[in-house]
């Protein structure tokens, strides 16, 4: 799973760099040829920032060991069983008070 997420994050970063190199023109974005104004595509910096942010977020998610997360959550739940039991009873009693 980590290698797949790492691959997609690097793919997103590579596409953003390629878009920056290929699409970003120099100048105002309009060119006049034979009296016609031709609009060339310009680089949308919000999209670049969003793409880089998503790529970095995917890279951060890829760093998490998901098998360890499940194991640690199970250990924490087992360790907090009595407290969770009391919280459950408190939720039931509060629900009864609100219902009536």
N, C-alpha and C. Protein backbone atom coordinates (compact mmCIF):
# COMPACT_ATOMS: atom_id res chain seq x y z
N UNK A 1 0.82 -1.19 0.00
CA UNK A 1 0.00 0.00 0.00
C UNK A 1 0.87 1.26 0.00
N UNK A 2 1.95 1.21 0.77
CA UNK A 2 2.83 2.37 0.86
C UNK A 2 3.47 2.67 -0.49
N UNK A 3 3.87 1.65 -1.22
CA UNK A 3 4.51 1.89 -2.52
C UNK A 3 3.51 2.46 -3.52
N UNK A 4 2.26 2.04 -3.45
CA UNK A 4 1.24 2.56 -4.37
C UNK A 4 0.99 4.03 -4.09
N UNK A 5 0.82 4.40 -2.81
CA UNK A 5 0.60 5.80 -2.47
C UNK A 5 1.82 6.66 -2.80
N UNK A 6 3.00 6.12 -2.58
CA UNK A 6 4.21 6.85 -2.92
C UNK A 6 4.30 7.08 -4.43
N UNK A 7 3.92 6.07 -5.20
CA UNK A 7 3.93 6.20 -6.66
C UNK A 7 2.97 7.30 -7.10
N UNK A 8 1.75 7.32 -6.57
CA UNK A 8 0.78 8.33 -6.98
C UNK A 8 1.19 9.73 -6.53
N UNK A 9 1.83 9.85 -5.38
CA UNK A 9 2.29 11.17 -4.95
C UNK A 9 3.41 11.67 -5.85
N UNK A 10 4.31 10.81 -6.23
CA UNK A 10 5.38 11.22 -7.14
C UNK A 10 4.83 11.52 -8.53
N UNK A 11 3.80 10.77 -8.94
CA UNK A 11 3.15 11.03 -10.22
C UNK A 11 2.50 12.41 -10.22
N UNK A 12 1.82 12.75 -9.13
CA UNK A 12 1.19 14.07 -9.02
C UNK A 12 2.23 15.17 -9.04
N UNK A 13 3.32 14.98 -8.32
CA UNK A 13 4.37 15.99 -8.31
C UNK A 13 5.01 16.14 -9.69
N UNK A 14 5.25 15.04 -10.36
CA UNK A 14 5.83 15.09 -11.70
C UNK A 14 4.92 15.78 -12.70
N UNK A 15 3.62 15.51 -12.62
CA UNK A 15 2.68 16.18 -13.52
C UNK A 15 2.61 17.67 -13.26
N UNK A 16 2.70 18.07 -12.00
CA UNK A 16 2.68 19.50 -11.69
C UNK A 16 3.95 20.19 -12.21
N UNK A 17 5.08 19.54 -12.09
CA UNK A 17 6.33 20.12 -12.60
C UNK A 17 6.28 20.21 -14.12
N UNK A 18 5.77 19.15 -14.77
CA UNK A 18 5.66 19.17 -16.23
C UNK A 18 4.70 20.26 -16.69
N UNK A 19 3.60 20.44 -15.97
CA UNK A 19 2.67 21.50 -16.34
C UNK A 19 3.32 22.87 -16.17
N UNK A 20 4.12 23.02 -15.15
CA UNK A 20 4.80 24.28 -14.94
C UNK A 20 5.79 24.60 -16.03
N UNK A 21 6.47 23.58 -16.53
CA UNK A 21 7.47 23.80 -17.58
C UNK A 21 6.83 24.01 -18.94
N UNK A 22 5.85 23.18 -19.27
CA UNK A 22 5.28 23.19 -20.62
C UNK A 22 4.23 24.28 -20.80
N UNK A 23 3.36 24.46 -19.84
CA UNK A 23 2.19 25.31 -20.05
C UNK A 23 2.46 26.76 -19.73
N UNK A 24 3.33 27.07 -18.81
CA UNK A 24 3.52 28.45 -18.38
C UNK A 24 4.24 29.26 -19.45
N UNK A 25 3.52 30.15 -20.08
CA UNK A 25 4.18 31.00 -21.08
C UNK A 25 4.81 32.22 -20.42
N UNK A 26 5.70 32.86 -21.13
CA UNK A 26 6.28 34.11 -20.67
C UNK A 26 5.47 35.24 -21.30
N UNK A 27 5.13 36.22 -20.52
CA UNK A 27 4.38 37.35 -21.06
C UNK A 27 2.99 37.43 -20.47
N UNK A 28 2.11 38.15 -21.18
CA UNK A 28 0.78 38.42 -20.66
C UNK A 28 -0.21 37.31 -20.95
N UNK A 29 0.06 36.44 -21.88
CA UNK A 29 -0.85 35.35 -22.20
C UNK A 29 -1.61 35.57 -23.48
N UNK A 30 -1.48 36.74 -24.13
CA UNK A 30 -2.14 36.98 -25.41
C UNK A 30 -1.08 37.32 -26.45
N UNK A 31 -1.30 36.81 -27.64
CA UNK A 31 -0.37 37.03 -28.74
C UNK A 31 -1.17 37.56 -29.93
N UNK A 32 -0.65 38.56 -30.62
CA UNK A 32 -1.32 39.11 -31.79
C UNK A 32 -0.58 38.65 -33.03
N UNK A 33 -1.29 37.89 -33.87
CA UNK A 33 -0.72 37.42 -35.14
C UNK A 33 -1.71 37.80 -36.25
N UNK A 34 -1.27 38.60 -37.19
CA UNK A 34 -2.07 39.03 -38.35
C UNK A 34 -3.39 39.65 -37.91
N UNK A 35 -3.36 40.43 -36.84
CA UNK A 35 -4.55 41.12 -36.38
C UNK A 35 -5.46 40.29 -35.48
N UNK A 36 -5.13 39.03 -35.29
CA UNK A 36 -5.93 38.18 -34.41
C UNK A 36 -5.24 38.05 -33.05
N UNK A 37 -6.01 38.17 -32.02
CA UNK A 37 -5.46 37.96 -30.69
C UNK A 37 -5.64 36.51 -30.29
N UNK A 38 -4.54 35.84 -30.07
CA UNK A 38 -4.57 34.44 -29.68
C UNK A 38 -4.24 34.34 -28.20
N UNK A 39 -5.10 33.72 -27.46
CA UNK A 39 -4.86 33.55 -26.02
C UNK A 39 -4.17 32.22 -25.78
N UNK A 40 -3.00 32.28 -25.21
CA UNK A 40 -2.29 31.04 -24.88
C UNK A 40 -2.63 30.65 -23.45
N UNK A 41 -2.56 29.37 -23.16
CA UNK A 41 -2.90 28.96 -21.79
C UNK A 41 -1.85 29.48 -20.80
N UNK A 42 -2.33 29.90 -19.67
CA UNK A 42 -1.44 30.37 -18.63
C UNK A 42 -1.51 29.39 -17.46
N UNK A 43 -0.54 29.47 -16.62
CA UNK A 43 -0.45 28.56 -15.48
C UNK A 43 -1.35 29.05 -14.35
N UNK A 44 -2.23 28.20 -13.89
CA UNK A 44 -3.12 28.53 -12.78
C UNK A 44 -2.39 28.14 -11.49
N UNK A 45 -1.93 29.14 -10.76
CA UNK A 45 -1.11 28.88 -9.59
C UNK A 45 -1.89 28.22 -8.46
N UNK A 46 -3.21 28.47 -8.39
CA UNK A 46 -4.01 27.78 -7.38
C UNK A 46 -4.03 26.28 -7.65
N UNK A 47 -4.10 25.89 -8.92
CA UNK A 47 -4.08 24.46 -9.24
C UNK A 47 -2.72 23.85 -8.93
N UNK A 48 -1.66 24.61 -9.18
CA UNK A 48 -0.32 24.11 -8.86
C UNK A 48 -0.18 23.88 -7.36
N UNK A 49 -0.62 24.84 -6.57
CA UNK A 49 -0.52 24.71 -5.12
C UNK A 49 -1.39 23.56 -4.63
N UNK A 50 -2.60 23.44 -5.19
CA UNK A 50 -3.49 22.34 -4.78
C UNK A 50 -2.87 20.99 -5.15
N UNK A 51 -2.31 20.89 -6.34
CA UNK A 51 -1.68 19.63 -6.76
C UNK A 51 -0.48 19.27 -5.91
N UNK A 52 0.34 20.25 -5.62
CA UNK A 52 1.50 19.98 -4.76
C UNK A 52 1.06 19.62 -3.34
N UNK A 53 0.04 20.30 -2.86
CA UNK A 53 -0.47 19.97 -1.52
C UNK A 53 -1.04 18.57 -1.45
N UNK A 54 -1.78 18.18 -2.47
CA UNK A 54 -2.35 16.82 -2.51
C UNK A 54 -1.23 15.79 -2.62
N UNK A 55 -0.23 16.09 -3.42
CA UNK A 55 0.90 15.17 -3.54
C UNK A 55 1.64 14.99 -2.22
N UNK A 56 1.86 16.09 -1.52
CA UNK A 56 2.53 16.00 -0.22
C UNK A 56 1.66 15.28 0.80
N UNK A 57 0.35 15.51 0.77
CA UNK A 57 -0.55 14.82 1.68
C UNK A 57 -0.54 13.32 1.42
N UNK A 58 -0.53 12.92 0.16
CA UNK A 58 -0.47 11.49 -0.17
C UNK A 58 0.86 10.90 0.30
N UNK A 59 1.94 11.66 0.15
CA UNK A 59 3.24 11.18 0.62
C UNK A 59 3.25 11.01 2.14
N UNK A 60 2.60 11.93 2.86
CA UNK A 60 2.52 11.81 4.32
C UNK A 60 1.68 10.61 4.73
N UNK A 61 0.57 10.37 4.03
CA UNK A 61 -0.27 9.22 4.34
C UNK A 61 0.48 7.92 4.07
N UNK A 62 1.33 7.94 3.06
CA UNK A 62 2.10 6.73 2.72
C UNK A 62 3.11 6.39 3.81
N UNK A 63 3.49 7.35 4.64
CA UNK A 63 4.45 7.10 5.71
C UNK A 63 3.85 6.32 6.87
N UNK A 64 2.52 6.28 6.97
CA UNK A 64 1.85 5.63 8.10
C UNK A 64 1.83 4.12 7.89
N UNK A 65 2.21 3.39 8.92
CA UNK A 65 2.13 1.93 8.89
C UNK A 65 0.72 1.53 9.34
N UNK A 66 -0.14 1.20 8.38
CA UNK A 66 -1.54 0.97 8.67
C UNK A 66 -1.77 -0.30 9.48
N UNK A 67 -0.91 -1.30 9.34
CA UNK A 67 -1.07 -2.50 10.16
C UNK A 67 -0.78 -2.20 11.63
N UNK A 68 0.16 -1.31 11.89
CA UNK A 68 0.46 -0.91 13.27
C UNK A 68 -0.67 -0.07 13.87
N UNK A 69 -1.34 0.72 13.03
CA UNK A 69 -2.45 1.54 13.52
C UNK A 69 -3.57 0.65 14.04
N UNK A 70 -3.92 -0.39 13.31
CA UNK A 70 -4.99 -1.30 13.74
C UNK A 70 -4.60 -2.02 15.04
N UNK A 71 -3.37 -2.46 15.12
CA UNK A 71 -2.91 -3.16 16.32
C UNK A 71 -2.90 -2.23 17.53
N UNK A 72 -2.42 -1.02 17.36
CA UNK A 72 -2.38 -0.06 18.47
C UNK A 72 -3.79 0.35 18.91
N UNK A 73 -4.69 0.49 17.95
CA UNK A 73 -6.07 0.82 18.30
C UNK A 73 -6.71 -0.30 19.10
N UNK A 74 -6.45 -1.54 18.73
CA UNK A 74 -6.96 -2.68 19.49
C UNK A 74 -6.38 -2.74 20.89
N UNK A 75 -5.09 -2.48 21.01
CA UNK A 75 -4.45 -2.46 22.35
C UNK A 75 -5.02 -1.34 23.22
N UNK A 76 -5.22 -0.16 22.63
CA UNK A 76 -5.77 0.95 23.39
C UNK A 76 -7.19 0.65 23.84
N UNK A 77 -8.00 0.07 22.92
CA UNK A 77 -9.38 -0.27 23.27
C UNK A 77 -9.42 -1.30 24.40
N UNK A 78 -8.56 -2.29 24.34
CA UNK A 78 -8.51 -3.30 25.40
C UNK A 78 -8.07 -2.69 26.72
N UNK A 79 -7.15 -1.75 26.67
CA UNK A 79 -6.68 -1.11 27.88
C UNK A 79 -7.70 -0.16 28.49
N UNK A 80 -8.58 0.39 27.68
CA UNK A 80 -9.57 1.35 28.14
C UNK A 80 -10.96 0.74 28.24
N UNK A 81 -11.06 -0.59 28.34
CA UNK A 81 -12.36 -1.27 28.30
C UNK A 81 -13.28 -0.80 29.41
N UNK A 82 -12.77 -0.71 30.62
CA UNK A 82 -13.62 -0.31 31.75
C UNK A 82 -14.12 1.12 31.57
N UNK A 83 -13.23 2.03 31.17
CA UNK A 83 -13.62 3.43 30.96
C UNK A 83 -14.64 3.53 29.82
N UNK A 84 -14.43 2.78 28.73
CA UNK A 84 -15.37 2.81 27.62
C UNK A 84 -16.73 2.24 28.04
N UNK A 85 -16.73 1.23 28.91
CA UNK A 85 -17.97 0.66 29.42
C UNK A 85 -18.75 1.73 30.21
N UNK A 86 -18.05 2.50 31.05
CA UNK A 86 -18.69 3.56 31.81
C UNK A 86 -19.20 4.69 30.92
N UNK A 87 -18.44 5.03 29.91
CA UNK A 87 -18.88 6.06 28.97
C UNK A 87 -20.12 5.60 28.22
N UNK A 88 -20.16 4.33 27.86
CA UNK A 88 -21.34 3.78 27.19
C UNK A 88 -22.57 3.86 28.06
N UNK A 89 -22.44 3.49 29.35
CA UNK A 89 -23.57 3.60 30.28
C UNK A 89 -23.99 5.05 30.46
N UNK A 90 -23.03 5.96 30.53
CA UNK A 90 -23.36 7.38 30.66
C UNK A 90 -24.14 7.87 29.45
N UNK A 91 -23.75 7.43 28.27
CA UNK A 91 -24.46 7.81 27.04
C UNK A 91 -25.90 7.28 27.06
N UNK A 92 -26.08 6.05 27.56
CA UNK A 92 -27.43 5.48 27.65
C UNK A 92 -28.28 6.30 28.62
N UNK A 93 -27.75 6.62 29.79
CA UNK A 93 -28.51 7.39 30.77
C UNK A 93 -28.84 8.79 30.28
N UNK A 94 -27.91 9.43 29.61
CA UNK A 94 -28.17 10.77 29.06
C UNK A 94 -29.22 10.69 27.96
N UNK A 95 -29.16 9.65 27.13
CA UNK A 95 -30.17 9.47 26.09
C UNK A 95 -31.56 9.28 26.69
N UNK A 96 -31.64 8.53 27.79
CA UNK A 96 -32.93 8.35 28.46
C UNK A 96 -33.44 9.67 29.02
N UNK A 97 -32.55 10.48 29.61
CA UNK A 97 -32.97 11.77 30.14
C UNK A 97 -33.48 12.70 29.03
N UNK A 98 -32.81 12.71 27.90
CA UNK A 98 -33.26 13.54 26.80
C UNK A 98 -34.53 13.02 26.15
N UNK A 99 -34.70 11.72 26.15
CA UNK A 99 -35.89 11.12 25.52
C UNK A 99 -37.14 11.46 26.30
N UNK A 100 -37.04 11.42 27.64
CA UNK A 100 -38.20 11.71 28.48
C UNK A 100 -38.10 13.13 28.92
